[in-house]
């Protein structure tokens, strides 16, 4: 079972590994806080500025606020920002928020050849034709509405009603493995052997109705209902 301590350890080791291979250029190692009700929150320094991403303001502005306040676990070499937040109660996961905010303006990186190796390892993340879009994996049973608001879902581009069902909550490794494979594939293939793998899955939360429509399978073996 993935506990709060196990989640904190995963995030710490992933952070250390990405620093070691040069993909992470700034970081806040995970913290674990005991709340007044005894629940545990695994988060990062700068969490108090999280709400800026939910405001009705241009994406570039909210991204700048995240950068300015260092409200993230990781800032990657192209400016992409990673946030991982987990909340546990009675040793059970009750909520998570896993977000990737790519840099809205890659011109800085496209014009700075010194940052990138000559073999164009990072060409797949700074190409001129790329349109950046934030993505977020949420798990929140309290907001559940079968099919319309899945317990576990993926939101693309900050669209209010974009909730693609996911079979279950994601571990930090599952989330970061997806981000690296999808958006940093060239460096991922070069450095994947240097990034430690982590075992463990959460239980499935997807419903039978949700499985009959397009959804994302993260390896959880069972349907919840």
C-alpha atoms as a PDB file:
ATOM      1  CA  UNK A   1       0.000   0.000   0.000  1.00  0.00           C
ATOM      2  CA  UNK A   2       1.258   3.463  -0.856  1.00  0.00           C
ATOM      3  CA  UNK A   3       1.404   5.492   2.350  1.00  0.00           C
ATOM      4  CA  UNK A   4       2.144   9.176   2.848  1.00  0.00           C
ATOM      5  CA  UNK A   5       5.727   8.300   3.778  1.00  0.00           C
ATOM      6  CA  UNK A   6       6.103   6.159   0.658  1.00  0.00           C
ATOM      7  CA  UNK A   7       4.780   8.983  -1.520  1.00  0.00           C
ATOM      8  CA  UNK A   8       7.191  11.486   0.028  1.00  0.00           C
ATOM      9  CA  UNK A   9      10.080   9.065  -0.535  1.00  0.00           C
ATOM     10  CA  UNK A  10       9.093   8.531  -4.178  1.00  0.00           C
ATOM     11  CA  UNK A  11       8.950  12.261  -4.872  1.00  0.00           C
ATOM     12  CA  UNK A  12      12.286  12.842  -3.114  1.00  0.00           C
ATOM     13  CA  UNK A  13      14.032  10.116  -5.105  1.00  0.00           C
ATOM     14  CA  UNK A  14      12.501  11.200  -8.413  1.00  0.00           C
ATOM     15  CA  UNK A  15      13.620  14.764  -7.700  1.00  0.00           C
ATOM     16  CA  UNK A  16      17.166  13.663  -6.888  1.00  0.00           C
ATOM     17  CA  UNK A  17      17.365  11.502 -10.020  1.00  0.00           C
ATOM     18  CA  UNK A  18      16.141  14.261 -12.344  1.00  0.00           C
ATOM     19  CA  UNK A  19      18.644  16.687 -10.832  1.00  0.00           C
ATOM     20  CA  UNK A  20      21.417  14.141 -11.370  1.00  0.00           C
ATOM     21  CA  UNK A  21      20.645  13.686 -15.080  1.00  0.00           C
ATOM     22  CA  UNK A  22      20.258  17.415 -15.672  1.00  0.00           C
ATOM     23  CA  UNK A  23      16.527  17.524 -16.451  1.00  0.00           C
ATOM     24  CA  UNK A  24      15.601  19.454 -13.294  1.00  0.00           C
ATOM     25  CA  UNK A  25      17.132  22.921 -12.826  1.00  0.00           C
ATOM     26  CA  UNK A  26      15.255  24.059  -9.699  1.00  0.00           C
ATOM     27  CA  UNK A  27      13.323  22.161  -7.056  1.00  0.00           C
ATOM     28  CA  UNK A  28      11.523  22.094  -3.734  1.00  0.00           C
ATOM     29  CA  UNK A  29      11.900  18.726  -2.060  1.00  0.00           C
ATOM     30  CA  UNK A  30       8.605  17.358  -0.691  1.00  0.00           C
ATOM     31  CA  UNK A  31       7.329  18.236   2.741  1.00  0.00           C
ATOM     32  CA  UNK A  32       4.876  16.315   4.922  1.00  0.00           C
ATOM     33  CA  UNK A  33       2.585  18.212   7.269  1.00  0.00           C
ATOM     34  CA  UNK A  34       0.252  16.846   9.937  1.00  0.00           C
ATOM     35  CA  UNK A  35      -3.012  18.784   9.821  1.00  0.00           C
ATOM     36  CA  UNK A  36      -5.142  19.621  12.869  1.00  0.00           C
ATOM     37  CA  UNK A  37      -7.425  16.657  12.220  1.00  0.00           C
ATOM     38  CA  UNK A  38      -4.464  14.275  12.087  1.00  0.00           C
ATOM     39  CA  UNK A  39      -4.485  13.910   8.311  1.00  0.00           C
ATOM     40  CA  UNK A  40      -1.230  14.166   6.356  1.00  0.00           C
ATOM     41  CA  UNK A  41      -0.437  16.419   3.416  1.00  0.00           C
ATOM     42  CA  UNK A  42       2.551  15.722   1.181  1.00  0.00           C
ATOM     43  CA  UNK A  43       3.279  18.894  -0.747  1.00  0.00           C
ATOM     44  CA  UNK A  44       5.979  21.482  -1.436  1.00  0.00           C
ATOM     45  CA  UNK A  45       7.139  24.940  -0.408  1.00  0.00           C
ATOM     46  CA  UNK A  46       4.973  27.611  -2.020  1.00  0.00           C
ATOM     47  CA  UNK A  47       1.747  25.635  -1.732  1.00  0.00           C
ATOM     48  CA  UNK A  48      -0.057  28.753  -0.487  1.00  0.00           C
ATOM     49  CA  UNK A  49       0.159  30.201  -4.015  1.00  0.00           C
ATOM     50  CA  UNK A  50      -1.541  27.209  -5.639  1.00  0.00           C
ATOM     51  CA  UNK A  51      -4.843  29.013  -6.221  1.00  0.00           C
ATOM     52  CA  UNK A  52      -3.327  31.241  -8.907  1.00  0.00           C
ATOM     53  CA  UNK A  53      -3.702  28.391 -11.414  1.00  0.00           C
ATOM     54  CA  UNK A  54      -7.459  28.317 -10.840  1.00  0.00           C
ATOM     55  CA  UNK A  55      -8.076  32.033 -11.393  1.00  0.00           C
ATOM     56  CA  UNK A  56      -9.647  33.350 -14.578  1.00  0.00           C
ATOM     57  CA  UNK A  57      -6.450  34.974 -15.813  1.00  0.00           C
ATOM     58  CA  UNK A  58      -4.275  34.315 -18.887  1.00  0.00           C
ATOM     59  CA  UNK A  59      -2.198  31.170 -18.623  1.00  0.00           C
ATOM     60  CA  UNK A  60       1.057  33.064 -19.147  1.00  0.00           C
ATOM     61  CA  UNK A  61       0.256  35.219 -16.120  1.00  0.00           C
ATOM     62  CA  UNK A  62      -0.508  32.296 -13.805  1.00  0.00           C
ATOM     63  CA  UNK A  63       2.641  30.529 -15.019  1.00  0.00           C
ATOM     64  CA  UNK A  64       4.740  33.609 -14.200  1.00  0.00           C
ATOM     65  CA  UNK A  65       3.264  33.661 -10.695  1.00  0.00           C
ATOM     66  CA  UNK A  66       4.194  30.010 -10.188  1.00  0.00           C
ATOM     67  CA  UNK A  67       7.741  30.730 -11.338  1.00  0.00           C
ATOM     68  CA  UNK A  68       8.050  33.891  -9.244  1.00  0.00           C
ATOM     69  CA  UNK A  69       6.845  32.185  -6.059  1.00  0.00           C
ATOM     70  CA  UNK A  70       8.582  28.875  -6.824  1.00  0.00           C
ATOM     71  CA  UNK A  71       5.266  27.097  -6.316  1.00  0.00           C
ATOM     72  CA  UNK A  72       6.376  23.717  -7.591  1.00  0.00           C
ATOM     73  CA  UNK A  73       8.231  20.508  -6.876  1.00  0.00           C
ATOM     74  CA  UNK A  74      10.314  20.695 -10.041  1.00  0.00           C
ATOM     75  CA  UNK A  75      11.231  23.172 -12.729  1.00  0.00           C
ATOM     76  CA  UNK A  76      12.519  21.329 -15.758  1.00  0.00           C
ATOM     77  CA  UNK A  77      15.181  22.412 -18.205  1.00  0.00           C
ATOM     78  CA  UNK A  78      12.732  23.952 -20.681  1.00  0.00           C
ATOM     79  CA  UNK A  79      10.826  25.848 -17.977  1.00  0.00           C
ATOM     80  CA  UNK A  80       8.118  23.230 -17.475  1.00  0.00           C
ATOM     81  CA  UNK A  81       6.785  23.175 -13.913  1.00  0.00           C
ATOM     82  CA  UNK A  82       5.682  20.076 -11.971  1.00  0.00           C
ATOM     83  CA  UNK A  83       3.389  20.079  -8.923  1.00  0.00           C
ATOM     84  CA  UNK A  84       2.557  16.989  -6.837  1.00  0.00           C
ATOM     85  CA  UNK A  85       0.161  17.233  -3.901  1.00  0.00           C
ATOM     86  CA  UNK A  86      -1.252  14.278  -1.913  1.00  0.00           C
ATOM     87  CA  UNK A  87      -3.583  14.225   1.087  1.00  0.00           C
ATOM     88  CA  UNK A  88      -4.038  11.186   3.356  1.00  0.00           C
ATOM     89  CA  UNK A  89      -6.478  10.503   6.185  1.00  0.00           C
ATOM     90  CA  UNK A  90      -6.325   7.396   8.377  1.00  0.00           C
ATOM     91  CA  UNK A  91      -3.582   5.988   6.109  1.00  0.00           C
ATOM     92  CA  UNK A  92      -5.851   6.285   3.073  1.00  0.00           C
ATOM     93  CA  UNK A  93      -5.416   8.578   0.081  1.00  0.00           C
ATOM     94  CA  UNK A  94      -8.303  11.047  -0.002  1.00  0.00           C
ATOM     95  CA  UNK A  95      -7.099  13.537  -2.609  1.00  0.00           C
ATOM     96  CA  UNK A  96      -4.309  14.295  -5.040  1.00  0.00           C
ATOM     97  CA  UNK A  97      -3.421  16.988  -7.534  1.00  0.00           C
ATOM     98  CA  UNK A  98      -0.660  16.287 -10.057  1.00  0.00           C
ATOM     99  CA  UNK A  99       0.001  19.055 -12.554  1.00  0.00           C
ATOM    100  CA  UNK A 100       2.329  19.887 -15.426  1.00  0.00           C
ATOM    101  CA  UNK A 101       2.580  23.520 -16.516  1.00  0.00           C
ATOM    102  CA  UNK A 102       4.763  23.899 -19.622  1.00  0.00           C
ATOM    103  CA  UNK A 103       6.436  27.218 -20.292  1.00  0.00           C
ATOM    104  CA  UNK A 104       4.034  29.376 -22.354  1.00  0.00           C
ATOM    105  CA  UNK A 105       6.949  31.053 -24.127  1.00  0.00           C
ATOM    106  CA  UNK A 106       9.776  28.831 -25.327  1.00  0.00           C
ATOM    107  CA  UNK A 107      11.550  31.602 -27.247  1.00  0.00           C
ATOM    108  CA  UNK A 108      14.042  32.007 -24.406  1.00  0.00           C
ATOM    109  CA  UNK A 109      15.076  28.387 -24.771  1.00  0.00           C
ATOM    110  CA  UNK A 110      14.870  28.242 -28.555  1.00  0.00           C
ATOM    111  CA  UNK A 111      17.387  31.087 -28.784  1.00  0.00           C
ATOM    112  CA  UNK A 112      19.725  29.835 -26.052  1.00  0.00           C
ATOM    113  CA  UNK A 113      21.666  27.077 -27.754  1.00  0.00           C
ATOM    114  CA  UNK A 114      24.088  26.780 -24.839  1.00  0.00           C
ATOM    115  CA  UNK A 115      21.362  25.210 -22.720  1.00  0.00           C
ATOM    116  CA  UNK A 116      20.917  22.274 -25.091  1.00  0.00           C
ATOM    117  CA  UNK A 117      23.301  19.621 -26.313  1.00  0.00           C
ATOM    118  CA  UNK A 118      24.423  19.675 -29.949  1.00  0.00           C
ATOM    119  CA  UNK A 119      22.626  16.421 -30.702  1.00  0.00           C
ATOM    120  CA  UNK A 120      19.318  18.292 -30.294  1.00  0.00           C
ATOM    121  CA  UNK A 121      18.316  16.078 -27.400  1.00  0.00           C
ATOM    122  CA  UNK A 122      15.734  18.612 -26.313  1.00  0.00           C
ATOM    123  CA  UNK A 123      14.374  19.412 -29.749  1.00  0.00           C
ATOM    124  CA  UNK A 124      11.102  17.639 -28.964  1.00  0.00           C
ATOM    125  CA  UNK A 125      10.321  20.102 -26.144  1.00  0.00           C
ATOM    126  CA  UNK A 126      11.382  23.409 -27.720  1.00  0.00           C
ATOM    127  CA  UNK A 127      10.353  23.001 -31.363  1.00  0.00           C
ATOM    128  CA  UNK A 128       8.795  26.153 -32.843  1.00  0.00           C
ATOM    129  CA  UNK A 129       5.551  24.397 -33.820  1.00  0.00           C
ATOM    130  CA  UNK A 130       4.732  23.219 -30.294  1.00  0.00           C
ATOM    131  CA  UNK A 131       1.560  24.587 -28.678  1.00  0.00           C
ATOM    132  CA  UNK A 132       1.892  24.327 -24.915  1.00  0.00           C
ATOM    133  CA  UNK A 133      -1.030  23.264 -22.734  1.00  0.00           C
ATOM    134  CA  UNK A 134      -1.159  22.495 -19.007  1.00  0.00           C
ATOM    135  CA  UNK A 135      -2.419  19.115 -17.843  1.00  0.00           C
ATOM    136  CA  UNK A 136      -3.618  17.971 -14.439  1.00  0.00           C
ATOM    137  CA  UNK A 137      -4.520  14.611 -12.873  1.00  0.00           C
ATOM    138  CA  UNK A 138      -6.979  15.008 -10.004  1.00  0.00           C
ATOM    139  CA  UNK A 139      -8.322  12.535  -7.476  1.00  0.00           C
ATOM    140  CA  UNK A 140     -11.188  13.798  -5.316  1.00  0.00           C
ATOM    141  CA  UNK A 141     -13.957  11.411  -4.176  1.00  0.00           C
ATOM    142  CA  UNK A 142     -15.852  14.260  -2.469  1.00  0.00           C
ATOM    143  CA  UNK A 143     -16.674  15.811  -5.856  1.00  0.00           C
ATOM    144  CA  UNK A 144     -17.668  12.498  -7.475  1.00  0.00           C
ATOM    145  CA  UNK A 145     -20.581  12.439  -9.917  1.00  0.00           C
ATOM    146  CA  UNK A 146     -20.587   9.230 -11.956  1.00  0.00           C
ATOM    147  CA  UNK A 147     -19.363   9.828 -15.517  1.00  0.00           C
ATOM    148  CA  UNK A 148     -19.676  13.632 -15.219  1.00  0.00           C
ATOM    149  CA  UNK A 149     -17.044  14.115 -12.516  1.00  0.00           C
ATOM    150  CA  UNK A 150     -14.970  10.930 -12.088  1.00  0.00           C
ATOM    151  CA  UNK A 151     -13.078  10.444  -8.832  1.00  0.00           C
ATOM    152  CA  UNK A 152      -9.863  10.197 -10.850  1.00  0.00           C
ATOM    153  CA  UNK A 153      -9.634  12.247 -14.013  1.00  0.00           C
ATOM    154  CA  UNK A 154      -7.352  14.139 -16.386  1.00  0.00           C
ATOM    155  CA  UNK A 155      -7.918  17.791 -17.265  1.00  0.00           C
ATOM    156  CA  UNK A 156      -6.249  19.251 -20.352  1.00  0.00           C
ATOM    157  CA  UNK A 157      -5.769  22.953 -20.948  1.00  0.00           C
ATOM    158  CA  UNK A 158      -7.607  24.266 -17.861  1.00  0.00           C
ATOM    159  CA  UNK A 159     -10.974  23.626 -19.506  1.00  0.00           C
ATOM    160  CA  UNK A 160     -13.545  23.636 -16.710  1.00  0.00           C
ATOM    161  CA  UNK A 161     -15.458  20.553 -17.832  1.00  0.00           C
ATOM    162  CA  UNK A 162     -12.609  18.541 -19.330  1.00  0.00           C
ATOM    163  CA  UNK A 163     -12.504  15.477 -17.074  1.00  0.00           C
ATOM    164  CA  UNK A 164     -11.251  12.374 -18.849  1.00  0.00           C
ATOM    165  CA  UNK A 165     -11.807   9.363 -16.551  1.00  0.00           C
ATOM    166  CA  UNK A 166      -8.694   7.649 -15.187  1.00  0.00           C
ATOM    167  CA  UNK A 167      -8.845   4.147 -13.720  1.00  0.00           C
ATOM    168  CA  UNK A 168      -7.413   5.267 -10.400  1.00  0.00           C
ATOM    169  CA  UNK A 169      -5.124   7.689  -8.566  1.00  0.00           C
ATOM    170  CA  UNK A 170      -1.557   7.967  -9.828  1.00  0.00           C
ATOM    171  CA  UNK A 171       1.645   7.452  -7.886  1.00  0.00           C
ATOM    172  CA  UNK A 172       4.382  10.082  -8.325  1.00  0.00           C
ATOM    173  CA  UNK A 173       6.365   7.642 -10.467  1.00  0.00           C
ATOM    174  CA  UNK A 174       3.386   6.853 -12.737  1.00  0.00           C
ATOM    175  CA  UNK A 175       2.747  10.561 -13.215  1.00  0.00           C
ATOM    176  CA  UNK A 176       6.357  11.543 -13.887  1.00  0.00           C
ATOM    177  CA  UNK A 177       6.927   8.529 -16.134  1.00  0.00           C
ATOM    178  CA  UNK A 178       3.991   9.713 -18.254  1.00  0.00           C
ATOM    179  CA  UNK A 179       5.269  13.308 -18.383  1.00  0.00           C
ATOM    180  CA  UNK A 180       8.799  12.284 -19.342  1.00  0.00           C
ATOM    181  CA  UNK A 181       7.745   9.712 -21.949  1.00  0.00           C
ATOM    182  CA  UNK A 182       5.175  12.021 -23.550  1.00  0.00           C
ATOM    183  CA  UNK A 183       6.872  15.410 -23.452  1.00  0.00           C
ATOM    184  CA  UNK A 184      10.594  14.737 -22.934  1.00  0.00           C
ATOM    185  CA  UNK A 185      10.928  11.537 -24.894  1.00  0.00           C
ATOM    186  CA  UNK A 186      14.410  11.997 -26.327  1.00  0.00           C
ATOM    187  CA  UNK A 187      16.141  12.741 -23.000  1.00  0.00           C
ATOM    188  CA  UNK A 188      13.892  10.147 -21.337  1.00  0.00           C
ATOM    189  CA  UNK A 189      15.195   7.404 -23.607  1.00  0.00           C
ATOM    190  CA  UNK A 190      18.770   8.453 -22.897  1.00  0.00           C
ATOM    191  CA  UNK A 191      18.439   8.807 -19.126  1.00  0.00           C
ATOM    192  CA  UNK A 192      15.633   6.377 -18.197  1.00  0.00           C
ATOM    193  CA  UNK A 193      18.079   3.806 -16.845  1.00  0.00           C
ATOM    194  CA  UNK A 194      19.379   6.451 -14.422  1.00  0.00           C
ATOM    195  CA  UNK A 195      15.938   7.202 -12.973  1.00  0.00           C
ATOM    196  CA  UNK A 196      14.816   4.724 -10.344  1.00  0.00           C
ATOM    197  CA  UNK A 197      11.533   2.890 -10.905  1.00  0.00           C
ATOM    198  CA  UNK A 198       9.002   2.640  -8.098  1.00  0.00           C
ATOM    199  CA  UNK A 199       6.447  -0.095  -7.547  1.00  0.00           C
ATOM    200  CA  UNK A 200       2.953   0.321  -6.186  1.00  0.00           C
ATOM    201  CA  UNK A 201      -0.485   1.294  -7.446  1.00  0.00           C
ATOM    202  CA  UNK A 202      -3.558   2.697  -5.806  1.00  0.00           C
ATOM    203  CA  UNK A 203      -6.863   0.846  -5.992  1.00  0.00           C
ATOM    204  CA  UNK A 204      -9.121   1.465  -8.962  1.00  0.00           C
ATOM    205  CA  UNK A 205     -11.836   4.090  -8.600  1.00  0.00           C
ATOM    206  CA  UNK A 206     -13.307   4.113 -12.105  1.00  0.00           C
ATOM    207  CA  UNK A 207     -16.917   2.965 -12.445  1.00  0.00           C
ATOM    208  CA  UNK A 208     -18.420   0.570 -14.950  1.00  0.00           C
ATOM    209  CA  UNK A 209     -20.223   3.425 -16.688  1.00  0.00           C
ATOM    210  CA  UNK A 210     -16.970   5.356 -17.059  1.00  0.00           C
ATOM    211  CA  UNK A 211     -15.151   2.360 -18.560  1.00  0.00           C
ATOM    212  CA  UNK A 212     -17.690   2.220 -21.391  1.00  0.00           C
ATOM    213  CA  UNK A 213     -16.387   5.558 -22.636  1.00  0.00           C
ATOM    214  CA  UNK A 214     -12.936   6.850 -23.504  1.00  0.00           C
ATOM    215  CA  UNK A 215     -10.724   6.655 -20.422  1.00  0.00           C
ATOM    216  CA  UNK A 216      -7.100   6.265 -19.332  1.00  0.00           C
ATOM    217  CA  UNK A 217      -5.837   3.016 -17.813  1.00  0.00           C
ATOM    218  CA  UNK A 218      -2.995   3.477 -15.339  1.00  0.00           C
ATOM    219  CA  UNK A 219      -2.707  -0.195 -14.470  1.00  0.00           C
ATOM    220  CA  UNK A 220      -5.301  -0.463 -11.718  1.00  0.00           C
ATOM    221  CA  UNK A 221      -6.719  -3.974 -12.191  1.00  0.00           C
ATOM    222  CA  UNK A 222     -10.281  -3.632 -10.962  1.00  0.00           C
ATOM    223  CA  UNK A 223     -13.364  -1.542 -11.581  1.00  0.00           C
ATOM    224  CA  UNK A 224     -14.577   0.131  -8.415  1.00  0.00           C
ATOM    225  CA  UNK A 225     -18.298  -0.098  -9.086  1.00  0.00           C
END
